[in-house]
């Protein structure tokens, strides 16, 4: 189960577009730092810093393959964050369903004539 600190780390890591793009690339398979740096106008050390953030959040793992250190996506923290978000999606779905019901009732309710103000001026 994702702890509050783990959830903070996951969302903190996901807050950056470069890191989200790296995760999207790793969803296709493992990759080296050089491979991950290709589509960006960033140096390999800058990509390595992003990878460290992702690794600390538990979103990737890094192995050793001779001279390479391939990175791999770790899906568990994303699944746990998705489950956390799902509770709120269910809340909003329920709220919107109630709102839809209320609007339907208001639209199908018989129209009442406007009330006159008995103390106001008469025309």
Protein backbone atom coordinates (compact mmCIF):
# COMPACT_ATOMS: atom_id res chain seq x y z
CA UNK A 1 0.00 0.00 0.00
CA UNK A 2 1.22 3.46 -0.88
CA UNK A 3 2.15 5.58 2.11
CA UNK A 4 1.47 9.32 2.22
CA UNK A 5 5.19 9.94 1.65
CA UNK A 6 5.16 7.48 -1.27
CA UNK A 7 2.13 9.19 -2.75
CA UNK A 8 3.87 12.56 -2.42
CA UNK A 9 6.97 11.15 -4.14
CA UNK A 10 4.90 9.63 -6.95
CA UNK A 11 2.94 12.81 -7.67
CA UNK A 12 6.09 14.92 -7.24
CA UNK A 13 7.87 12.82 -9.83
CA UNK A 14 4.86 12.96 -12.17
CA UNK A 15 4.66 16.76 -11.87
CA UNK A 16 7.43 17.18 -14.43
CA UNK A 17 6.70 16.73 -18.13
CA UNK A 18 10.15 15.34 -18.90
CA UNK A 19 9.75 12.65 -16.28
CA UNK A 20 6.27 11.76 -17.60
CA UNK A 21 7.77 11.45 -21.10
CA UNK A 22 10.55 9.23 -19.74
CA UNK A 23 7.93 6.99 -18.10
CA UNK A 24 5.98 6.84 -21.37
CA UNK A 25 9.15 5.74 -23.17
CA UNK A 26 9.94 3.14 -20.51
CA UNK A 27 6.41 1.74 -20.86
CA UNK A 28 7.63 0.51 -24.26
CA UNK A 29 10.62 -1.27 -22.74
CA UNK A 30 13.86 -0.69 -20.90
CA UNK A 31 16.27 1.97 -22.10
CA UNK A 32 19.68 3.41 -21.32
CA UNK A 33 20.32 7.00 -20.30
CA UNK A 34 21.61 7.75 -23.81
CA UNK A 35 18.45 6.29 -25.36
CA UNK A 36 16.24 8.26 -22.98
CA UNK A 37 18.15 11.50 -23.68
CA UNK A 38 17.72 11.26 -27.48
CA UNK A 39 14.33 12.99 -27.87
CA UNK A 40 15.18 15.78 -25.42
CA UNK A 41 17.41 18.79 -25.66
CA UNK A 42 18.93 17.79 -22.33
CA UNK A 43 22.32 16.41 -21.43
CA UNK A 44 22.72 12.86 -20.18
CA UNK A 45 23.54 14.19 -16.66
CA UNK A 46 20.25 16.13 -16.68
CA UNK A 47 18.37 12.99 -17.73
CA UNK A 48 20.22 11.09 -14.97
CA UNK A 49 18.88 13.59 -12.42
CA UNK A 50 15.34 12.96 -13.65
CA UNK A 51 15.97 9.22 -13.42
CA UNK A 52 17.12 9.58 -9.80
CA UNK A 53 13.84 11.34 -8.93
CA UNK A 54 11.87 8.57 -10.64
CA UNK A 55 13.94 5.91 -8.90
CA UNK A 56 13.51 7.50 -5.45
CA UNK A 57 9.75 7.55 -6.09
CA UNK A 58 9.91 3.84 -6.93
CA UNK A 59 8.61 4.43 -10.45
CA UNK A 60 11.66 2.94 -12.16
CA UNK A 61 14.39 0.47 -11.38
CA UNK A 62 17.89 0.60 -12.77
CA UNK A 63 19.91 -2.47 -13.54
CA UNK A 64 23.41 -3.18 -14.68
CA UNK A 65 24.09 -4.81 -18.03
CA UNK A 66 27.84 -4.70 -18.74
CA UNK A 67 28.52 -0.99 -19.40
CA UNK A 68 24.84 -0.04 -19.54
CA UNK A 69 22.49 0.80 -16.70
CA UNK A 70 19.10 0.17 -18.31
CA UNK A 71 16.06 1.70 -16.64
CA UNK A 72 12.77 -0.15 -16.36
CA UNK A 73 9.29 1.03 -15.48
CA UNK A 74 7.92 -0.15 -12.12
CA UNK A 75 4.15 -0.06 -12.41
CA UNK A 76 3.16 -0.66 -8.78
CA UNK A 77 3.40 2.96 -7.53
CA UNK A 78 1.38 4.12 -10.55
CA UNK A 79 -1.26 1.47 -9.85
CA UNK A 80 -1.45 2.60 -6.21
CA UNK A 81 -1.73 6.27 -7.21
CA UNK A 82 -4.45 5.32 -9.70
CA UNK A 83 -6.36 3.49 -6.95
CA UNK A 84 -6.07 6.57 -4.71
CA UNK A 85 -7.39 8.80 -7.50
CA UNK A 86 -10.16 6.32 -8.30
CA UNK A 87 -11.85 6.99 -4.95
CA UNK A 88 -12.17 10.65 -5.88
CA UNK A 89 -13.37 9.84 -9.39
CA UNK A 90 -16.13 7.71 -7.86
CA UNK A 91 -17.07 10.58 -5.53
CA UNK A 92 -17.36 13.01 -8.45
CA UNK A 93 -19.24 10.51 -10.61
CA UNK A 94 -21.76 10.07 -7.80
CA UNK A 95 -22.04 13.84 -7.31
CA UNK A 96 -22.64 14.42 -11.01
CA UNK A 97 -25.26 11.64 -11.11
CA UNK A 98 -27.14 13.34 -8.27
CA UNK A 99 -26.88 16.66 -10.08
CA UNK A 100 -28.21 15.06 -13.29
CA UNK A 101 -31.16 13.62 -11.37
CA UNK A 102 -31.94 17.00 -9.81
CA UNK A 103 -31.78 18.74 -13.19
CA UNK A 104 -34.07 16.09 -14.72
CA UNK A 105 -36.56 16.60 -11.88
CA UNK A 106 -36.47 20.38 -12.32
CA UNK A 107 -37.00 20.10 -16.08
CA UNK A 108 -39.94 17.71 -15.76
CA UNK A 109 -41.61 19.41 -12.78
CA UNK A 110 -44.86 21.22 -13.64
CA UNK A 111 -44.43 24.94 -14.06
CA UNK A 112 -45.98 27.00 -11.28
CA UNK A 113 -47.36 30.44 -12.03
CA UNK A 114 -45.26 33.31 -10.74
CA UNK A 115 -46.36 34.57 -7.34
CA UNK A 116 -47.46 38.15 -7.05
CA UNK A 117 -46.13 40.26 -4.27
CA UNK A 118 -49.32 41.05 -2.25
CA UNK A 119 -47.70 44.04 -0.52
CA UNK A 120 -46.24 45.56 -3.69
CA UNK A 121 -47.73 48.04 -6.13
CA UNK A 122 -50.56 46.90 -8.41
CA UNK A 123 -50.67 47.74 -12.07
